[in-house]
C-alpha atoms as a PDB file:
ATOM      1  CA  MET A   1      87.686 108.926  93.285  1.00  0.00           C
ATOM      2  CA  LEU A   2      86.199 111.785  91.259  1.00  0.00           C
ATOM      3  CA  ALA A   3      88.956 111.458  88.635  1.00  0.00           C
ATOM      4  CA  ASN A   4      88.496 107.668  88.398  1.00  0.00           C
ATOM      5  CA  PRO A   5      85.107 106.242  89.467  1.00  0.00           C
ATOM      6  CA  ALA A   6      86.567 102.701  89.485  1.00  0.00           C
ATOM      7  CA  LEU A   7      88.279 103.642  92.761  1.00  0.00           C
ATOM      8  CA  CYS A   8      84.846 103.857  94.371  1.00  0.00           C
ATOM      9  CA  GLY A   9      84.516 101.002  96.879  1.00  0.00           C
ATOM     10  CA  SER A  10      88.150  99.881  96.455  1.00  0.00           C
ATOM     11  CA  SER A  11      89.174 100.871  99.989  1.00  0.00           C
ATOM     12  CA  GLU A  12      89.114  98.394 102.864  1.00  0.00           C
ATOM     13  CA  ASN A  13      86.773 100.722 104.770  1.00  0.00           C
ATOM     14  CA  ASN A  14      83.647 102.717 104.068  1.00  0.00           C
ATOM     15  CA  ARG A  15      84.519 106.403 104.283  1.00  0.00           C
ATOM     16  CA  ILE A  16      83.012 109.856 104.619  1.00  0.00           C
ATOM     17  CA  TRP A  17      85.250 112.890 104.271  1.00  0.00           C
ATOM     18  CA  ILE A  18      85.252 116.662 104.123  1.00  0.00           C
ATOM     19  CA  ASP A  19      87.954 118.436 102.127  1.00  0.00           C
ATOM     20  CA  HIS A  20      89.013 122.108 101.966  1.00  0.00           C
ATOM     21  CA  ARG A  21      91.641 123.478  99.567  1.00  0.00           C
ATOM     22  CA  ASN A  22      92.893 127.054  99.372  1.00  0.00           C
ATOM     23  CA  GLN A  23      95.092 127.610  96.353  1.00  0.00           C
ATOM     24  CA  TRP A  24      97.718 130.269  95.647  1.00  0.00           C
ATOM     25  CA  LEU A  25      97.853 131.888  99.074  1.00  0.00           C
ATOM     26  CA  GLY A  26      98.677 135.571  98.778  1.00  0.00           C
ATOM     27  CA  PHE A  27      96.466 136.244  95.772  1.00  0.00           C
ATOM     28  CA  ASN A  28      93.392 138.292  96.577  1.00  0.00           C
ATOM     29  CA  LYS A  29      90.895 140.465  94.800  1.00  0.00           C
ATOM     30  CA  ASP A  30      92.430 143.671  96.179  1.00  0.00           C
ATOM     31  CA  SER A  31      95.826 142.991  94.622  1.00  0.00           C
ATOM     32  CA  ASN A  32      97.092 145.630  92.202  1.00  0.00           C
ATOM     33  CA  GLU A  33      99.058 142.993  90.287  1.00  0.00           C
ATOM     34  CA  PHE A  34      96.370 140.340  89.923  1.00  0.00           C
ATOM     35  CA  ILE A  35      92.774 141.064  89.024  1.00  0.00           C
ATOM     36  CA  GLY A  36      90.929 138.038  90.321  1.00  0.00           C
ATOM     37  CA  GLN A  37      90.825 135.706  93.271  1.00  0.00           C
ATOM     38  CA  ALA A  38      92.645 132.469  94.026  1.00  0.00           C
ATOM     39  CA  PRO A  39      90.683 129.200  93.773  1.00  0.00           C
ATOM     40  CA  ILE A  40      88.928 127.931  96.901  1.00  0.00           C
ATOM     41  CA  THR A  41      87.494 124.406  96.827  1.00  0.00           C
ATOM     42  CA  ASN A  42      85.266 122.633  99.341  1.00  0.00           C
ATOM     43  CA  ALA A  43      84.023 119.070  98.963  1.00  0.00           C
ATOM     44  CA  ILE A  44      82.190 116.339 100.851  1.00  0.00           C
ATOM     45  CA  ALA A  45      82.075 112.703  99.757  1.00  0.00           C
ATOM     46  CA  ILE A  46      80.973 109.222 100.781  1.00  0.00           C
ATOM     47  CA  ASP A  47      82.570 105.986  99.553  1.00  0.00           C
ATOM     48  CA  LEU A  48      80.849 102.644 100.248  1.00  0.00           C
ATOM     49  CA  SER A  49      82.026  99.086  99.559  1.00  0.00           C
ATOM     50  CA  PHE A  50      79.705  96.137  98.859  1.00  0.00           C
ATOM     51  CA  GLU A  51      80.174  92.426  98.226  1.00  0.00           C
ATOM     52  CA  ASN A  52      77.481  91.145  95.858  1.00  0.00           C
ATOM     53  CA  LYS A  53      77.131  90.275  92.182  1.00  0.00           C
ATOM     54  CA  PHE A  54      75.556  93.565  91.163  1.00  0.00           C
ATOM     55  CA  ILE A  55      77.610  96.228  92.913  1.00  0.00           C
ATOM     56  CA  ASN A  56      80.963  96.521  94.684  1.00  0.00           C
ATOM     57  CA  GLY A  57      81.185 100.259  95.136  1.00  0.00           C
ATOM     58  CA  PHE A  58      78.872 103.254  95.415  1.00  0.00           C
ATOM     59  CA  GLY A  59      79.711 106.850  96.207  1.00  0.00           C
ATOM     60  CA  ALA A  60      78.528 110.432  96.078  1.00  0.00           C
ATOM     61  CA  TYR A  61      80.578 113.613  95.757  1.00  0.00           C
ATOM     62  CA  TYR A  62      79.602 117.267  96.162  1.00  0.00           C
ATOM     63  CA  LEU A  63      82.064 119.984  95.203  1.00  0.00           C
ATOM     64  CA  ASN A  64      81.995 123.781  95.381  1.00  0.00           C
ATOM     65  CA  ASP A  65      84.774 125.547  93.493  1.00  0.00           C
ATOM     66  CA  LYS A  66      85.275 129.321  93.376  1.00  0.00           C
ATOM     67  CA  LEU A  67      87.666 131.307  91.216  1.00  0.00           C
ATOM     68  CA  GLY A  68      86.967 135.017  91.405  1.00  0.00           C
ATOM     69  CA  TYR A  69      83.559 135.649  89.881  1.00  0.00           C
ATOM     70  CA  ASN A  70      83.369 132.060  88.497  1.00  0.00           C
ATOM     71  CA  GLN A  71      81.757 129.338  90.608  1.00  0.00           C
ATOM     72  CA  ILE A  72      81.075 125.636  90.015  1.00  0.00           C
ATOM     73  CA  ASN A  73      78.771 123.427  92.068  1.00  0.00           C
ATOM     74  CA  ALA A  74      79.051 119.747  91.131  1.00  0.00           C
ATOM     75  CA  LEU A  75      77.243 116.629  92.285  1.00  0.00           C
ATOM     76  CA  SER A  76      78.437 113.178  91.202  1.00  0.00           C
ATOM     77  CA  LEU A  77      77.062 109.679  91.785  1.00  0.00           C
ATOM     78  CA  LEU A  78      79.584 106.868  91.331  1.00  0.00           C
ATOM     79  CA  TYR A  79      79.296 103.114  90.791  1.00  0.00           C
ATOM     80  CA  SER A  80      81.859 100.328  90.435  1.00  0.00           C
ATOM     81  CA  LYS A  81      81.866  96.579  89.812  1.00  0.00           C
ATOM     82  CA  ARG A  82      84.779  94.207  90.499  1.00  0.00           C
ATOM     83  CA  PHE A  83      85.635  91.197  88.343  1.00  0.00           C
ATOM     84  CA  ASP A  84      87.972  88.637  89.930  1.00  0.00           C
ATOM     85  CA  ILE A  85      90.333  87.269  87.259  1.00  0.00           C
ATOM     86  CA  LYS A  86      92.385  84.950  89.459  1.00  0.00           C
ATOM     87  CA  GLU A  87      93.862  84.948  92.935  1.00  0.00           C
ATOM     88  CA  ASP A  88      95.232  88.400  93.809  1.00  0.00           C
ATOM     89  CA  VAL A  89      94.216  89.796  90.399  1.00  0.00           C
ATOM     90  CA  SER A  90      91.024  91.745  89.747  1.00  0.00           C
ATOM     91  CA  LEU A  91      89.586  94.309  87.383  1.00  0.00           C
ATOM     92  CA  ARG A  92      87.253  97.013  88.634  1.00  0.00           C
ATOM     93  CA  LEU A  93      85.141  99.111  86.250  1.00  0.00           C
ATOM     94  CA  GLY A  94      83.332 102.286  87.262  1.00  0.00           C
ATOM     95  CA  PHE A  95      81.282 105.140  85.927  1.00  0.00           C
ATOM     96  CA  SER A  96      79.936 108.404  87.278  1.00  0.00           C
ATOM     97  CA  ALA A  97      76.892 110.522  86.473  1.00  0.00           C
ATOM     98  CA  ASP A  98      77.717 114.173  87.026  1.00  0.00           C
ATOM     99  CA  TYR A  99      75.722 117.392  87.290  1.00  0.00           C
ATOM    100  CA  TYR A 100      77.427 120.799  87.120  1.00  0.00           C
ATOM    101  CA  HIS A 101      75.891 124.176  87.887  1.00  0.00           C
ATOM    102  CA  LEU A 102      78.120 127.019  86.726  1.00  0.00           C
ATOM    103  CA  SER A 103      77.640 130.680  87.493  1.00  0.00           C
ATOM    104  CA  ILE A 104      79.275 134.017  86.789  1.00  0.00           C
ATOM    105  CA  ASN A 105      78.638 136.321  89.725  1.00  0.00           C
ATOM    106  CA  GLY A 106      78.185 139.864  88.427  1.00  0.00           C
ATOM    107  CA  LYS A 107      78.014 141.233  91.999  1.00  0.00           C
ATOM    108  CA  TRP A 108      81.541 140.064  92.717  1.00  0.00           C
ATOM    109  CA  LEU A 109      83.729 143.182  92.754  1.00  0.00           C
ATOM    110  CA  MET A 110      87.263 143.334  91.477  1.00  0.00           C
ATOM    111  CA  ILE A 111      88.997 146.704  91.761  1.00  0.00           C
ATOM    112  CA  GLN A 112      86.036 148.536  90.226  1.00  0.00           C
ATOM    113  CA  PRO A 113      83.438 150.190  92.504  1.00  0.00           C
ATOM    114  CA  GLU A 114      80.504 148.748  90.513  1.00  0.00           C
ATOM    115  CA  PRO A 115      79.651 145.281  89.183  1.00  0.00           C
ATOM    116  CA  LEU A 116      81.027 144.681  85.706  1.00  0.00           C
ATOM    117  CA  PHE A 117      78.096 142.622  84.426  1.00  0.00           C
ATOM    118  CA  GLU A 118      74.985 140.753  85.408  1.00  0.00           C
ATOM    119  CA  THR A 119      74.882 137.298  87.016  1.00  0.00           C
ATOM    120  CA  TYR A 120      74.645 134.380  84.572  1.00  0.00           C
ATOM    121  CA  CYS A 121      74.114 130.644  85.193  1.00  0.00           C
ATOM    122  CA  GLY A 122      74.410 127.445  83.176  1.00  0.00           C
ATOM    123  CA  ASP A 123      73.920 123.706  83.733  1.00  0.00           C
ATOM    124  CA  ASN A 124      75.681 120.640  82.390  1.00  0.00           C
ATOM    125  CA  PHE A 125      75.163 116.869  82.684  1.00  0.00           C
ATOM    126  CA  ASP A 126      78.203 114.718  82.144  1.00  0.00           C
ATOM    127  CA  LEU A 127      79.658 111.214  82.486  1.00  0.00           C
ATOM    128  CA  GLY A 128      82.907 109.719  83.744  1.00  0.00           C
ATOM    129  CA  LEU A 129      84.444 106.268  83.190  1.00  0.00           C
ATOM    130  CA  GLY A 130      87.346 104.417  84.755  1.00  0.00           C
ATOM    131  CA  PHE A 131      89.111 101.115  85.269  1.00  0.00           C
ATOM    132  CA  LEU A 132      91.373  99.735  87.985  1.00  0.00           C
ATOM    133  CA  PHE A 133      93.579  96.639  87.803  1.00  0.00           C
ATOM    134  CA  GLN A 134      94.547  95.359  91.252  1.00  0.00           C
ATOM    135  CA  PHE A 135      97.324  92.869  91.857  1.00  0.00           C
ATOM    136  CA  LYS A 136      98.858  91.685  95.114  1.00  0.00           C
ATOM    137  CA  ASN A 137     101.134  94.714  95.451  1.00  0.00           C
ATOM    138  CA  TRP A 138     100.459  96.728  92.292  1.00  0.00           C
ATOM    139  CA  GLU A 139      97.605  98.907  91.097  1.00  0.00           C
ATOM    140  CA  ILE A 140      97.160 100.544  87.727  1.00  0.00           C
ATOM    141  CA  GLY A 141      94.153 102.602  86.739  1.00  0.00           C
ATOM    142  CA  SER A 142      92.846 105.341  84.505  1.00  0.00           C
ATOM    143  CA  GLY A 143      89.757 107.518  84.416  1.00  0.00           C
ATOM    144  CA  LEU A 144      88.078 109.901  81.981  1.00  0.00           C
ATOM    145  CA  GLN A 145      86.112 112.988  83.046  1.00  0.00           C
ATOM    146  CA  HIS A 146      83.796 115.159  80.914  1.00  0.00           C
ATOM    147  CA  ILE A 147      83.149 112.523  78.278  1.00  0.00           C
ATOM    148  CA  ILE A 148      80.066 114.241  76.858  1.00  0.00           C
ATOM    149  CA  HIS A 149      82.193 117.342  76.203  1.00  0.00           C
ATOM    150  CA  GLU A 150      79.094 119.504  76.071  1.00  0.00           C
ATOM    151  CA  ASP A 151      78.835 123.260  75.754  1.00  0.00           C
ATOM    152  CA  VAL A 152      77.562 125.147  78.789  1.00  0.00           C
ATOM    153  CA  VAL A 153      75.503 128.212  77.904  1.00  0.00           C
ATOM    154  CA  TYR A 154      75.064 130.964  80.503  1.00  0.00           C
ATOM    155  CA  ASP A 155      71.549 132.334  79.973  1.00  0.00           C
ATOM    156  CA  THR A 156      72.084 132.302  76.168  1.00  0.00           C
ATOM    157  CA  ILE A 157      74.804 134.969  76.564  1.00  0.00           C
ATOM    158  CA  TYR A 158      78.098 133.235  77.328  1.00  0.00           C
ATOM    159  CA  ARG A 159      79.320 129.816  76.262  1.00  0.00           C
ATOM    160  CA  THR A 160      82.048 127.561  77.643  1.00  0.00           C
ATOM    161  CA  GLN A 161      82.980 123.914  77.310  1.00  0.00           C
ATOM    162  CA  PHE A 162      84.477 121.264  79.575  1.00  0.00           C
ATOM    163  CA  ALA A 163      87.640 119.597  78.278  1.00  0.00           C
ATOM    164  CA  THR A 164      87.819 115.801  78.383  1.00  0.00           C
ATOM    165  CA  THR A 165      90.469 114.917  80.984  1.00  0.00           C
ATOM    166  CA  SER A 166      92.258 111.614  81.610  1.00  0.00           C
ATOM    167  CA  THR A 167      93.964 110.738  84.892  1.00  0.00           C
ATOM    168  CA  SER A 168      96.157 107.613  85.039  1.00  0.00           C
ATOM    169  CA  PHE A 169      98.293 106.174  87.818  1.00  0.00           C
ATOM    170  CA  LEU A 170     100.604 103.309  88.688  1.00  0.00           C
ATOM    171  CA  SER A 171     101.340 102.413  92.319  1.00  0.00           C
ATOM    172  CA  TYR A 172     103.252  99.790  94.270  1.00  0.00           C
ATOM    173  CA  LYS A 173     102.613  98.935  97.926  1.00  0.00           C
ATOM    174  CA  HIS A 174     105.373  97.469 100.097  1.00  0.00           C
ATOM    175  CA  GLU A 175     104.310  96.409 103.574  1.00  0.00           C
ATOM    176  CA  PHE A 176     106.632  96.342 106.553  1.00  0.00           C
ATOM    177  CA  GLY A 177     104.936  95.150 109.692  1.00  0.00           C
ATOM    178  CA  LYS A 178     101.262  94.339 109.993  1.00  0.00           C
ATOM    179  CA  TYR A 179      99.881  97.892 109.580  1.00  0.00           C
ATOM    180  CA  SER A 180     102.756  99.848 107.989  1.00  0.00           C
ATOM    181  CA  TYR A 181     103.688 100.367 104.344  1.00  0.00           C
ATOM    182  CA  PHE A 182     105.225 102.721 101.823  1.00  0.00           C
ATOM    183  CA  SER A 183     103.892 103.260  98.316  1.00  0.00           C
ATOM    184  CA  PRO A 184     105.519 105.041  95.336  1.00  0.00           C
ATOM    185  CA  ILE A 185     102.938 106.439  92.892  1.00  0.00           C
ATOM    186  CA  LEU A 186     103.237 107.821  89.364  1.00  0.00           C
ATOM    187  CA  LEU A 187     100.327 110.032  88.259  1.00  0.00           C
ATOM    188  CA  VAL A 188      99.729 111.480  84.779  1.00  0.00           C
ATOM    189  CA  LYS A 189      96.877 113.894  84.027  1.00  0.00           C
ATOM    190  CA  MET A 190      96.153 115.011  80.460  1.00  0.00           C
ATOM    191  CA  ASP A 191      93.752 117.117  78.464  1.00  0.00           C
ATOM    192  CA  LYS A 192      94.035 118.556  74.961  1.00  0.00           C
ATOM    193  CA  ALA A 193      96.050 121.533  76.223  1.00  0.00           C
ATOM    194  CA  LYS A 194      98.591 120.088  78.665  1.00  0.00           C
ATOM    195  CA  VAL A 195     100.133 117.081  80.395  1.00  0.00           C
ATOM    196  CA  MET A 196     100.848 117.058  84.146  1.00  0.00           C
ATOM    197  CA  THR A 197     103.089 114.444  85.769  1.00  0.00           C
ATOM    198  CA  GLU A 198     103.316 113.837  89.501  1.00  0.00           C
ATOM    199  CA  ILE A 199     105.529 111.465  91.510  1.00  0.00           C
ATOM    200  CA  ASP A 200     104.564 110.675  95.114  1.00  0.00           C
ATOM    201  CA  LEU A 201     105.981 108.566  97.916  1.00  0.00           C
ATOM    202  CA  LYS A 202     103.449 107.745 100.631  1.00  0.00           C
ATOM    203  CA  PHE A 203     104.091 106.230 104.063  1.00  0.00           C
ATOM    204  CA  SER A 204     101.693 104.796 106.637  1.00  0.00           C
ATOM    205  CA  PHE A 205     102.918 103.791 110.100  1.00  0.00           C
ATOM    206  CA  GLU A 206     100.858 101.406 112.228  1.00  0.00           C
ATOM    207  CA  ASP A 207      97.773 102.683 110.384  1.00  0.00           C
ATOM    208  CA  ARG A 208      97.924 105.779 112.631  1.00  0.00           C
ATOM    209  CA  PHE A 209     100.461 108.182 111.117  1.00  0.00           C
ATOM    210  CA  PHE A 210     100.611 109.215 107.459  1.00  0.00           C
ATOM    211  CA  PHE A 211     103.187 111.127 105.432  1.00  0.00           C
ATOM    212  CA  SER A 212     103.576 111.883 101.732  1.00  0.00           C
ATOM    213  CA  LEU A 213     106.180 113.704  99.660  1.00  0.00           C
ATOM    214  CA  GLY A 214     105.552 114.506  96.001  1.00  0.00           C
ATOM    215  CA  LEU A 215     106.912 116.392  93.020  1.00  0.00           C
ATOM    216  CA  ARG A 216     105.349 117.872  89.913  1.00  0.00           C
ATOM    217  CA  PRO A 217     108.440 118.486  87.741  1.00  0.00           C
ATOM    218  CA  MET A 218     109.014 122.176  87.040  1.00  0.00           C
ATOM    219  CA  SER A 219     105.770 122.975  88.875  1.00  0.00           C
ATOM    220  CA  ALA A 220     105.411 122.174  92.591  1.00  0.00           C
ATOM    221  CA  ILE A 221     106.643 120.261  95.629  1.00  0.00           C
ATOM    222  CA  LEU A 222     103.905 118.567  97.645  1.00  0.00           C
ATOM    223  CA  ILE A 223     104.013 117.636 101.328  1.00  0.00           C
ATOM    224  CA  SER A 224     101.221 116.081 103.355  1.00  0.00           C
ATOM    225  CA  SER A 225     100.944 114.452 106.757  1.00  0.00           C
ATOM    226  CA  GLY A 226      98.198 113.204 109.008  1.00  0.00           C
ATOM    227  CA  PHE A 227      97.276 111.028 111.925  1.00  0.00           C
ATOM    228  CA  ARG A 228      94.364 109.077 113.321  1.00  0.00           C
ATOM    229  CA  LEU A 229      92.620 111.200 115.937  1.00  0.00           C
ATOM    230  CA  PHE A 230      90.464 108.424 117.299  1.00  0.00           C
ATOM    231  CA  ILE A 231      89.788 104.821 116.332  1.00  0.00           C
ATOM    232  CA  SER A 232      88.163 105.773 113.050  1.00  0.00           C
ATOM    233  CA  ILE A 233      88.772 109.506 112.390  1.00  0.00           C
ATOM    234  CA  ASP A 234      91.729 110.761 110.327  1.00  0.00           C
ATOM    235  CA  LEU A 235      93.029 114.314 109.951  1.00  0.00           C
ATOM    236  CA  LEU A 236      95.301 115.092 106.998  1.00  0.00           C
ATOM    237  CA  LEU A 237      97.079 118.362 106.166  1.00  0.00           C
ATOM    238  CA  ALA A 238      98.681 119.148 102.809  1.00  0.00           C
ATOM    239  CA  TYR A 239     100.892 121.950 101.510  1.00  0.00           C
ATOM    240  CA  GLU A 240     101.977 122.634  97.934  1.00  0.00           C
ATOM    241  CA  LEU A 241     104.998 124.822  97.250  1.00  0.00           C
ATOM    242  CA  ASN A 242     104.922 126.427  93.816  1.00  0.00           C
ATOM    243  CA  ILE A 243     108.346 126.364  92.127  1.00  0.00           C
ATOM    244  CA  THR A 244     107.369 128.243  88.953  1.00  0.00           C
ATOM    245  CA  ALA A 245     107.647 132.011  88.429  1.00  0.00           C
ATOM    246  CA  MET A 246     104.285 132.286  90.181  1.00  0.00           C
ATOM    247  CA  HIS A 247     106.015 131.722  93.548  1.00  0.00           C
ATOM    248  CA  ASN A 248     106.790 135.467  93.525  1.00  0.00           C
ATOM    249  CA  TYR A 249     103.053 136.093  93.967  1.00  0.00           C
ATOM    250  CA  SER A 250     101.866 133.015  95.838  1.00  0.00           C
ATOM    251  CA  ASN A 251     102.654 131.557  99.255  1.00  0.00           C
ATOM    252  CA  GLY A 252     101.612 128.107  98.110  1.00  0.00           C
ATOM    253  CA  THR A 253      98.482 126.002  98.472  1.00  0.00           C
ATOM    254  CA  TYR A 254      97.134 124.231 101.537  1.00  0.00           C
ATOM    255  CA  GLY A 255      94.494 121.594 102.046  1.00  0.00           C
ATOM    256  CA  VAL A 256      92.743 120.037 105.028  1.00  0.00           C
ATOM    257  CA  LEU A 257      90.871 116.717 104.973  1.00  0.00           C
ATOM    258  CA  LEU A 258      88.823 115.157 107.777  1.00  0.00           C
ATOM    259  CA  ARG A 259      87.846 111.518 107.181  1.00  0.00           C
ATOM    260  CA  TYR A 260      85.617 109.088 109.085  1.00  0.00           C
ATOM    261  CA  ASN A 261      86.189 105.370 108.465  1.00  0.00           C
ATOM    262  CA  PHE A 262      83.513 102.810 109.274  1.00  0.00           C
END
């Protein structure tokens, strides 16, 4: 939803979820081979669906991302509107208004006994756009993040810049039974420096058990599974096995997501 705001409100249910991701297990700031700390991401989001002529989706997303002495706090508000083209065909357009607070924590210690520098902060306002075509069994969509592409200045000392990123996907949903389906998904994420491709195959059984297997060619194998704890609460666990040379230093990446549907 953050990568494509048109997905906001596209689910059959309203949702609130909490997400935790710990990347590159085995890296730590005490390592003699790696000066830094692996990324840790925490997020909370709400996704609401509406049926009126002005709005079909509204959401909010808060994210905290840490990488060593770098930290990002982000807050996004998302909006989407659906346009019905004909039976079983619709176009959904969305946009997001984003606020980022970036900081460099000079008190964060690496292998040195004293801080390397002072603490600096910077702020950035940004926009995101996206579209989503929905057919009976197919979906195709694309989103742009960091459209403003603005410099972030840390207390007039340091300067960085967000790179405009596009995330596109194509998915097919085949139902077997009333509440079961499998869905192959092709995902492509690009910025000016790189292109990442991901292929996923997702299964849902009786709307109670979930499983997904994915591949990022020459990069990682992704496995996730989950189940419905109660009538409306889902728990999902994910693990990413790095298959690059970095696997000699990392035990992979794990994620946990708790979602309430209403």
